[in-house]
Amino acid sequence: MMKAPKKKVRVRIVCTDQSGIEGYVHVDEGLRLMDFLNLSNRKFMVITDAQAQNLGNVKSFRLASELTKTHQALALNKSAIKWIAEIK
């Protein structure tokens, strides 16, 4: 089975728990970001080169440095997205 060609879209996301994620979403060629988000057969999306931040509840420097690391890939449940913006 061949995979559909993808394009990398840089995004900034705020989640319902107030955490933030910045990275790349790989959208099927020919789809807009919003079309990709509205695909009902995909509950999760993968974000690559992702930097996640949730410093509001962090009480230790060690934990803060873990949360602000860049991750190769994160899987995010789309229902956790409060808003998303494409970074041009």
PDB file of N, CA and C in Angstrom:
ATOM      1  N   MET A   1       0.843  -1.177   0.000  1.00  0.00           N
ATOM      2  CA  MET A   1       0.000   0.000   0.000  1.00  0.00           C
ATOM      3  C   MET A   1       0.891   1.243   0.000  1.00  0.00           C
ATOM      4  N   MET A   2       0.653   2.158  -0.924  1.00  0.00           N
ATOM      5  CA  MET A   2       1.443   3.387  -1.005  1.00  0.00           C
ATOM      6  C   MET A   2       0.887   4.435  -0.049  1.00  0.00           C
ATOM      7  N   LYS A   3       1.793   5.161   0.564  1.00  0.00           N
ATOM      8  CA  LYS A   3       1.379   6.265   1.420  1.00  0.00           C
ATOM      9  C   LYS A   3       1.137   7.501   0.567  1.00  0.00           C
ATOM     10  N   ALA A   4       0.134   8.280   0.970  1.00  0.00           N
ATOM     11  CA  ALA A   4      -0.163   9.520   0.264  1.00  0.00           C
ATOM     12  C   ALA A   4       0.942  10.529   0.543  1.00  0.00           C
ATOM     13  N   PRO A   5       1.331  11.320  -0.458  1.00  0.00           N
ATOM     14  CA  PRO A   5       2.344  12.360  -0.219  1.00  0.00           C
ATOM     15  C   PRO A   5       1.841  13.361   0.822  1.00  0.00           C
ATOM     16  N   LYS A   6       2.755  13.855   1.640  1.00  0.00           N
ATOM     17  CA  LYS A   6       2.406  14.788   2.713  1.00  0.00           C
ATOM     18  C   LYS A   6       3.180  16.086   2.558  1.00  0.00           C
ATOM     19  N   LYS A   7       2.630  17.146   3.135  1.00  0.00           N
ATOM     20  CA  LYS A   7       3.358  18.405   3.226  1.00  0.00           C
ATOM     21  C   LYS A   7       3.467  18.762   4.710  1.00  0.00           C
ATOM     22  N   LYS A   8       4.626  19.331   5.088  1.00  0.00           N
ATOM     23  CA  LYS A   8       4.850  19.733   6.476  1.00  0.00           C
ATOM     24  C   LYS A   8       4.261  21.121   6.704  1.00  0.00           C
ATOM     25  N   VAL A   9       3.439  21.228   7.732  1.00  0.00           N
ATOM     26  CA  VAL A   9       2.828  22.501   8.089  1.00  0.00           C
ATOM     27  C   VAL A   9       3.253  22.826   9.523  1.00  0.00           C
ATOM     28  N   ARG A  10       3.911  23.970   9.701  1.00  0.00           N
ATOM     29  CA  ARG A  10       4.334  24.378  11.049  1.00  0.00           C
ATOM     30  C   ARG A  10       3.132  24.979  11.774  1.00  0.00           C
ATOM     31  N   VAL A  11       2.885  24.504  13.009  1.00  0.00           N
ATOM     32  CA  VAL A  11       1.704  24.937  13.760  1.00  0.00           C
ATOM     33  C   VAL A  11       2.059  25.303  15.197  1.00  0.00           C
ATOM     34  N   ARG A  12       1.213  26.118  15.776  1.00  0.00           N
ATOM     35  CA  ARG A  12       1.236  26.427  17.207  1.00  0.00           C
ATOM     36  C   ARG A  12      -0.139  26.020  17.732  1.00  0.00           C
ATOM     37  N   ILE A  13      -0.149  25.222  18.807  1.00  0.00           N
ATOM     38  CA  ILE A  13      -1.388  24.673  19.355  1.00  0.00           C
ATOM     39  C   ILE A  13      -1.495  25.053  20.824  1.00  0.00           C
ATOM     40  N   VAL A  14      -2.696  25.443  21.235  1.00  0.00           N
ATOM     41  CA  VAL A  14      -3.019  25.575  22.654  1.00  0.00           C
ATOM     42  C   VAL A  14      -4.042  24.496  22.941  1.00  0.00           C
ATOM     43  N   CYS A  15      -3.754  23.711  23.982  1.00  0.00           N
ATOM     44  CA  CYS A  15      -4.627  22.595  24.347  1.00  0.00           C
ATOM     45  C   CYS A  15      -5.625  23.028  25.415  1.00  0.00           C
ATOM     46  N   THR A  16      -6.632  22.205  25.622  1.00  0.00           N
ATOM     47  CA  THR A  16      -7.679  22.515  26.594  1.00  0.00           C
ATOM     48  C   THR A  16      -7.138  22.607  28.014  1.00  0.00           C
ATOM     49  N   ASP A  17      -5.984  21.989  28.304  1.00  0.00           N
ATOM     50  CA  ASP A  17      -5.375  22.086  29.641  1.00  0.00           C
ATOM     51  C   ASP A  17      -4.403  23.258  29.738  1.00  0.00           C
ATOM     52  N   GLN A  18      -4.420  24.158  28.749  1.00  0.00           N
ATOM     53  CA  GLN A  18      -3.589  25.366  28.660  1.00  0.00           C
ATOM     54  C   GLN A  18      -2.135  25.089  28.287  1.00  0.00           C
ATOM     55  N   SER A  19      -1.772  23.849  27.995  1.00  0.00           N
ATOM     56  CA  SER A  19      -0.413  23.574  27.531  1.00  0.00           C
ATOM     57  C   SER A  19      -0.288  24.019  26.081  1.00  0.00           C
ATOM     58  N   GLY A  20       0.947  24.239  25.658  1.00  0.00           N
ATOM     59  CA  GLY A  20       1.201  24.679  24.292  1.00  0.00           C
ATOM     60  C   GLY A  20       2.137  23.729  23.582  1.00  0.00           C
ATOM     61  N   ILE A  21       1.945  23.594  22.299  1.00  0.00           N
ATOM     62  CA  ILE A  21       2.795  22.740  21.469  1.00  0.00           C
ATOM     63  C   ILE A  21       3.096  23.500  20.187  1.00  0.00           C
ATOM     64  N   GLU A  22       4.359  23.448  19.778  1.00  0.00           N
ATOM     65  CA  GLU A  22       4.743  24.011  18.490  1.00  0.00           C
ATOM     66  C   GLU A  22       5.538  22.956  17.759  1.00  0.00           C
ATOM     67  N   GLY A  23       5.229  22.754  16.488  1.00  0.00           N
ATOM     68  CA  GLY A  23       5.928  21.749  15.701  1.00  0.00           C
ATOM     69  C   GLY A  23       5.321  21.626  14.318  1.00  0.00           C
ATOM     70  N   TYR A  24       5.506  20.471  13.712  1.00  0.00           N
ATOM     71  CA  TYR A  24       5.039  20.236  12.344  1.00  0.00           C
ATOM     72  C   TYR A  24       3.985  19.145  12.308  1.00  0.00           C
ATOM     73  N   VAL A  25       2.912  19.415  11.569  1.00  0.00           N
ATOM     74  CA  VAL A  25       1.883  18.422  11.271  1.00  0.00           C
ATOM     75  C   VAL A  25       2.071  18.044   9.810  1.00  0.00           C
ATOM     76  N   HIS A  26       1.957  16.771   9.505  1.00  0.00           N
ATOM     77  CA  HIS A  26       2.133  16.289   8.143  1.00  0.00           C
ATOM     78  C   HIS A  26       0.751  16.058   7.536  1.00  0.00           C
ATOM     79  N   VAL A  27       0.360  16.987   6.660  1.00  0.00           N
ATOM     80  CA  VAL A  27      -0.978  17.017   6.074  1.00  0.00           C
ATOM     81  C   VAL A  27      -0.933  16.385   4.690  1.00  0.00           C
ATOM     82  N   ASP A  28      -1.956  15.582   4.382  1.00  0.00           N
ATOM     83  CA  ASP A  28      -2.040  14.974   3.052  1.00  0.00           C
ATOM     84  C   ASP A  28      -1.995  16.061   1.986  1.00  0.00           C
ATOM     85  N   GLU A  29      -1.205  15.828   0.953  1.00  0.00           N
ATOM     86  CA  GLU A  29      -1.082  16.765  -0.162  1.00  0.00           C
ATOM     87  C   GLU A  29      -2.475  17.050  -0.721  1.00  0.00           C
ATOM     88  N   GLY A  30      -2.781  18.320  -0.956  1.00  0.00           N
ATOM     89  CA  GLY A  30      -4.082  18.696  -1.499  1.00  0.00           C
ATOM     90  C   GLY A  30      -5.105  19.066  -0.438  1.00  0.00           C
ATOM     91  N   LEU A  31      -4.794  18.813   0.848  1.00  0.00           N
ATOM     92  CA  LEU A  31      -5.704  19.188   1.928  1.00  0.00           C
ATOM     93  C   LEU A  31      -5.182  20.431   2.625  1.00  0.00           C
ATOM     94  N   ARG A  32      -6.104  21.256   3.095  1.00  0.00           N
ATOM     95  CA  ARG A  32      -5.728  22.372   3.966  1.00  0.00           C
ATOM     96  C   ARG A  32      -5.623  21.828   5.390  1.00  0.00           C
ATOM     97  N   LEU A  33      -4.987  22.570   6.268  1.00  0.00           N
ATOM     98  CA  LEU A  33      -4.859  22.152   7.657  1.00  0.00           C
ATOM     99  C   LEU A  33      -6.228  21.876   8.268  1.00  0.00           C
ATOM    100  N   MET A  34      -7.196  22.751   8.026  1.00  0.00           N
ATOM    101  CA  MET A  34      -8.532  22.569   8.610  1.00  0.00           C
ATOM    102  C   MET A  34      -9.225  21.330   8.047  1.00  0.00           C
ATOM    103  N   ASP A  35      -9.016  21.030   6.764  1.00  0.00           N
ATOM    104  CA  ASP A  35      -9.574  19.801   6.186  1.00  0.00           C
ATOM    105  C   ASP A  35      -8.998  18.584   6.908  1.00  0.00           C
ATOM    106  N   PHE A  36      -7.681  18.609   7.140  1.00  0.00           N
ATOM    107  CA  PHE A  36      -7.001  17.513   7.826  1.00  0.00           C
ATOM    108  C   PHE A  36      -7.552  17.336   9.242  1.00  0.00           C
ATOM    109  N   LEU A  37      -7.754  18.437   9.955  1.00  0.00           N
ATOM    110  CA  LEU A  37      -8.275  18.368  11.322  1.00  0.00           C
ATOM    111  C   LEU A  37      -9.692  17.824  11.367  1.00  0.00           C
ATOM    112  N   ASN A  38     -10.459  18.070  10.321  1.00  0.00           N
ATOM    113  CA  ASN A  38     -11.857  17.639  10.294  1.00  0.00           C
ATOM    114  C   ASN A  38     -12.065  16.204   9.811  1.00  0.00           C
ATOM    115  N   LEU A  39     -10.982  15.503   9.467  1.00  0.00           N
ATOM    116  CA  LEU A  39     -11.127  14.098   9.080  1.00  0.00           C
ATOM    117  C   LEU A  39     -11.608  13.303  10.279  1.00  0.00           C
ATOM    118  N   SER A  40     -12.806  12.769  10.209  1.00  0.00           N
ATOM    119  CA  SER A  40     -13.396  12.098  11.379  1.00  0.00           C
ATOM    120  C   SER A  40     -12.806  10.714  11.636  1.00  0.00           C
ATOM    121  N   ASN A  41     -12.123  10.132  10.662  1.00  0.00           N
ATOM    122  CA  ASN A  41     -11.556   8.796  10.860  1.00  0.00           C
ATOM    123  C   ASN A  41     -10.199   8.841  11.568  1.00  0.00           C
ATOM    124  N   ARG A  42      -9.718  10.010  11.911  1.00  0.00           N
ATOM    125  CA  ARG A  42      -8.434  10.161  12.605  1.00  0.00           C
ATOM    126  C   ARG A  42      -8.640  10.934  13.903  1.00  0.00           C
ATOM    127  N   LYS A  43      -8.580  10.231  15.024  1.00  0.00           N
ATOM    128  CA  LYS A  43      -8.779  10.869  16.336  1.00  0.00           C
ATOM    129  C   LYS A  43      -7.499  11.529  16.844  1.00  0.00           C
ATOM    130  N   PHE A  44      -6.348  11.047  16.375  1.00  0.00           N
ATOM    131  CA  PHE A  44      -5.061  11.566  16.824  1.00  0.00           C
ATOM    132  C   PHE A  44      -4.310  12.158  15.647  1.00  0.00           C
ATOM    133  N   MET A  45      -3.413  13.097  15.968  1.00  0.00           N
ATOM    134  CA  MET A  45      -2.522  13.641  14.959  1.00  0.00           C
ATOM    135  C   MET A  45      -1.102  13.579  15.502  1.00  0.00           C
ATOM    136  N   VAL A  46      -0.154  13.390  14.610  1.00  0.00           N
ATOM    137  CA  VAL A  46       1.248  13.324  14.992  1.00  0.00           C
ATOM    138  C   VAL A  46       1.876  14.689  14.729  1.00  0.00           C
ATOM    139  N   ILE A  47       2.627  15.167  15.714  1.00  0.00           N
ATOM    140  CA  ILE A  47       3.348  16.433  15.593  1.00  0.00           C
ATOM    141  C   ILE A  47       4.830  16.103  15.715  1.00  0.00           C
ATOM    142  N   THR A  48       5.610  16.457  14.709  1.00  0.00           N
ATOM    143  CA  THR A  48       7.044  16.163  14.728  1.00  0.00           C
ATOM    144  C   THR A  48       7.836  17.413  15.086  1.00  0.00           C
ATOM    145  N   ASP A  49       9.081  17.194  15.523  1.00  0.00           N
ATOM    146  CA  ASP A  49       9.932  18.299  15.985  1.00  0.00           C
ATOM    147  C   ASP A  49       9.130  19.191  16.929  1.00  0.00           C
ATOM    148  N   ALA A  50       8.431  18.540  17.862  1.00  0.00           N
ATOM    149  CA  ALA A  50       7.472  19.226  18.725  1.00  0.00           C
ATOM    150  C   ALA A  50       8.109  19.710  20.010  1.00  0.00           C
ATOM    151  N   GLN A  51       7.798  20.933  20.356  1.00  0.00           N
ATOM    152  CA  GLN A  51       8.205  21.483  21.639  1.00  0.00           C
ATOM    153  C   GLN A  51       6.927  21.738  22.427  1.00  0.00           C
ATOM    154  N   ALA A  52       6.794  21.017  23.543  1.00  0.00           N
ATOM    155  CA  ALA A  52       5.600  21.135  24.381  1.00  0.00           C
ATOM    156  C   ALA A  52       5.935  21.936  25.621  1.00  0.00           C
ATOM    157  N   GLN A  53       5.002  22.777  26.043  1.00  0.00           N
ATOM    158  CA  GLN A  53       5.192  23.568  27.251  1.00  0.00           C
ATOM    159  C   GLN A  53       3.913  23.565  28.072  1.00  0.00           C
ATOM    160  N   ASN A  54       4.070  23.295  29.349  1.00  0.00           N
ATOM    161  CA  ASN A  54       2.966  23.419  30.300  1.00  0.00           C
ATOM    162  C   ASN A  54       3.576  23.850  31.617  1.00  0.00           C
ATOM    163  N   LEU A  55       4.012  25.085  31.666  1.00  0.00           N
ATOM    164  CA  LEU A  55       4.756  25.566  32.823  1.00  0.00           C
ATOM    165  C   LEU A  55       3.856  26.088  33.934  1.00  0.00           C
ATOM    166  N   GLY A  56       2.578  26.188  33.702  1.00  0.00           N
ATOM    167  CA  GLY A  56       1.677  26.716  34.720  1.00  0.00           C
ATOM    168  C   GLY A  56       1.619  25.875  35.980  1.00  0.00           C
ATOM    169  N   ASN A  57       1.734  24.558  35.854  1.00  0.00           N
ATOM    170  CA  ASN A  57       1.610  23.670  37.004  1.00  0.00           C
ATOM    171  C   ASN A  57       2.946  23.096  37.450  1.00  0.00           C
ATOM    172  N   VAL A  58       4.053  23.576  36.902  1.00  0.00           N
ATOM    173  CA  VAL A  58       5.353  23.000  37.189  1.00  0.00           C
ATOM    174  C   VAL A  58       5.932  23.625  38.456  1.00  0.00           C
ATOM    175  N   LYS A  59       6.419  22.770  39.366  1.00  0.00           N
ATOM    176  CA  LYS A  59       6.980  23.252  40.624  1.00  0.00           C
ATOM    177  C   LYS A  59       8.476  22.971  40.743  1.00  0.00           C
ATOM    178  N   SER A  60       9.062  22.259  39.771  1.00  0.00           N
ATOM    179  CA  SER A  60      10.496  21.970  39.868  1.00  0.00           C
ATOM    180  C   SER A  60      11.184  22.287  38.550  1.00  0.00           C
ATOM    181  N   PHE A  61      12.430  22.762  38.643  1.00  0.00           N
ATOM    182  CA  PHE A  61      13.207  23.099  37.456  1.00  0.00           C
ATOM    183  C   PHE A  61      13.428  21.866  36.591  1.00  0.00           C
ATOM    184  N   ARG A  62      13.687  20.709  37.228  1.00  0.00           N
ATOM    185  CA  ARG A  62      13.942  19.477  36.479  1.00  0.00           C
ATOM    186  C   ARG A  62      12.736  19.129  35.591  1.00  0.00           C
ATOM    187  N   LEU A  63      11.550  19.196  36.160  1.00  0.00           N
ATOM    188  CA  LEU A  63      10.345  18.892  35.396  1.00  0.00           C
ATOM    189  C   LEU A  63      10.132  19.925  34.288  1.00  0.00           C
ATOM    190  N   ALA A  64      10.400  21.188  34.579  1.00  0.00           N
ATOM    191  CA  ALA A  64      10.244  22.236  33.568  1.00  0.00           C
ATOM    192  C   ALA A  64      11.163  21.987  32.384  1.00  0.00           C
ATOM    193  N   SER A  65      12.402  21.564  32.644  1.00  0.00           N
ATOM    194  CA  SER A  65      13.322  21.310  31.535  1.00  0.00           C
ATOM    195  C   SER A  65      12.890  20.102  30.720  1.00  0.00           C
ATOM    196  N   GLU A  66      12.246  19.126  31.350  1.00  0.00           N
ATOM    197  CA  GLU A  66      11.714  17.980  30.607  1.00  0.00           C
ATOM    198  C   GLU A  66      10.551  18.413  29.716  1.00  0.00           C
ATOM    199  N   LEU A  67       9.702  19.273  30.219  1.00  0.00           N
ATOM    200  CA  LEU A  67       8.502  19.673  29.474  1.00  0.00           C
ATOM    201  C   LEU A  67       8.801  20.611  28.316  1.00  0.00           C
ATOM    202  N   THR A  68       9.937  21.285  28.354  1.00  0.00           N
ATOM    203  CA  THR A  68      10.242  22.214  27.274  1.00  0.00           C
ATOM    204  C   THR A  68      11.226  21.624  26.267  1.00  0.00           C
ATOM    205  N   LYS A  69      11.509  20.339  26.358  1.00  0.00           N
ATOM    206  CA  LYS A  69      12.385  19.688  25.391  1.00  0.00           C
ATOM    207  C   LYS A  69      11.691  19.545  24.037  1.00  0.00           C
ATOM    208  N   THR A  70      12.496  19.447  23.012  1.00  0.00           N
ATOM    209  CA  THR A  70      11.950  19.143  21.694  1.00  0.00           C
ATOM    210  C   THR A  70      11.841  17.629  21.569  1.00  0.00           C
ATOM    211  N   HIS A  71      10.678  17.168  21.160  1.00  0.00           N
ATOM    212  CA  HIS A  71      10.406  15.748  21.003  1.00  0.00           C
ATOM    213  C   HIS A  71      10.371  15.418  19.516  1.00  0.00           C
ATOM    214  N   GLN A  72      10.909  14.274  19.169  1.00  0.00           N
ATOM    215  CA  GLN A  72      10.920  13.860  17.773  1.00  0.00           C
ATOM    216  C   GLN A  72       9.495  13.757  17.234  1.00  0.00           C
ATOM    217  N   ALA A  73       8.598  13.183  18.039  1.00  0.00           N
ATOM    218  CA  ALA A  73       7.199  13.057  17.620  1.00  0.00           C
ATOM    219  C   ALA A  73       6.297  12.947  18.840  1.00  0.00           C
ATOM    220  N   LEU A  74       5.145  13.583  18.757  1.00  0.00           N
ATOM    221  CA  LEU A  74       4.110  13.489  19.786  1.00  0.00           C
ATOM    222  C   LEU A  74       2.807  13.111  19.097  1.00  0.00           C
ATOM    223  N   ALA A  75       1.998  12.295  19.765  1.00  0.00           N
ATOM    224  CA  ALA A  75       0.650  12.005  19.283  1.00  0.00           C
ATOM    225  C   ALA A  75      -0.310  12.806  20.147  1.00  0.00           C
ATOM    226  N   LEU A  76      -1.175  13.567  19.519  1.00  0.00           N
ATOM    227  CA  LEU A  76      -2.112  14.429  20.237  1.00  0.00           C
ATOM    228  C   LEU A  76      -3.536  14.066  19.842  1.00  0.00           C
ATOM    229  N   ASN A  77      -4.376  13.843  20.852  1.00  0.00           N
ATOM    230  CA  ASN A  77      -5.790  13.612  20.594  1.00  0.00           C
ATOM    231  C   ASN A  77      -6.380  14.935  20.115  1.00  0.00           C
ATOM    232  N   LYS A  78      -7.009  14.932  18.960  1.00  0.00           N
ATOM    233  CA  LYS A  78      -7.513  16.179  18.374  1.00  0.00           C
ATOM    234  C   LYS A  78      -8.569  16.845  19.251  1.00  0.00           C
ATOM    235  N   SER A  79      -9.238  16.066  20.104  1.00  0.00           N
ATOM    236  CA  SER A  79     -10.251  16.663  20.989  1.00  0.00           C
ATOM    237  C   SER A  79      -9.611  17.524  22.075  1.00  0.00           C
ATOM    238  N   ALA A  80      -8.297  17.431  22.269  1.00  0.00           N
ATOM    239  CA  ALA A  80      -7.588  18.235  23.272  1.00  0.00           C
ATOM    240  C   ALA A  80      -7.173  19.601  22.741  1.00  0.00           C
ATOM    241  N   ILE A  81      -7.466  19.893  21.476  1.00  0.00           N
ATOM    242  CA  ILE A  81      -7.047  21.162  20.877  1.00  0.00           C
ATOM    243  C   ILE A  81      -8.071  22.248  21.187  1.00  0.00           C
ATOM    244  N   LYS A  82      -7.589  23.316  21.819  1.00  0.00           N
ATOM    245  CA  LYS A  82      -8.431  24.494  22.056  1.00  0.00           C
ATOM    246  C   LYS A  82      -8.383  25.402  20.841  1.00  0.00           C
ATOM    247  N   TRP A  83      -7.161  25.681  20.356  1.00  0.00           N
ATOM    248  CA  TRP A  83      -6.995  26.380  19.078  1.00  0.00           C
ATOM    249  C   TRP A  83      -5.687  25.995  18.453  1.00  0.00           C
ATOM    250  N   ILE A  84      -5.626  26.180  17.141  1.00  0.00           N
ATOM    251  CA  ILE A  84      -4.446  25.849  16.372  1.00  0.00           C
ATOM    252  C   ILE A  84      -4.242  26.942  15.328  1.00  0.00           C
ATOM    253  N   ALA A  85      -2.985  27.318  15.107  1.00  0.00           N
ATOM    254  CA  ALA A  85      -2.683  28.326  14.096  1.00  0.00           C
ATOM    255  C   ALA A  85      -1.480  27.862  13.285  1.00  0.00           C
ATOM    256  N   GLU A  86      -1.572  28.072  11.989  1.00  0.00           N
ATOM    257  CA  GLU A  86      -0.455  27.776  11.101  1.00  0.00           C
ATOM    258  C   GLU A  86       0.569  28.905  11.210  1.00  0.00           C
ATOM    259  N   ILE A  87       1.837  28.534  11.315  1.00  0.00           N
ATOM    260  CA  ILE A  87       2.912  29.510  11.374  1.00  0.00           C
ATOM    261  C   ILE A  87       3.519  29.604   9.988  1.00  0.00           C
ATOM    262  N   LYS A  88       3.450  30.760   9.388  1.00  0.00           N
ATOM    263  CA  LYS A  88       3.971  30.949   8.028  1.00  0.00           C
ATOM    264  C   LYS A  88       5.439  31.295   8.062  1.00  0.00           C
TER     265      LYS A  88
END
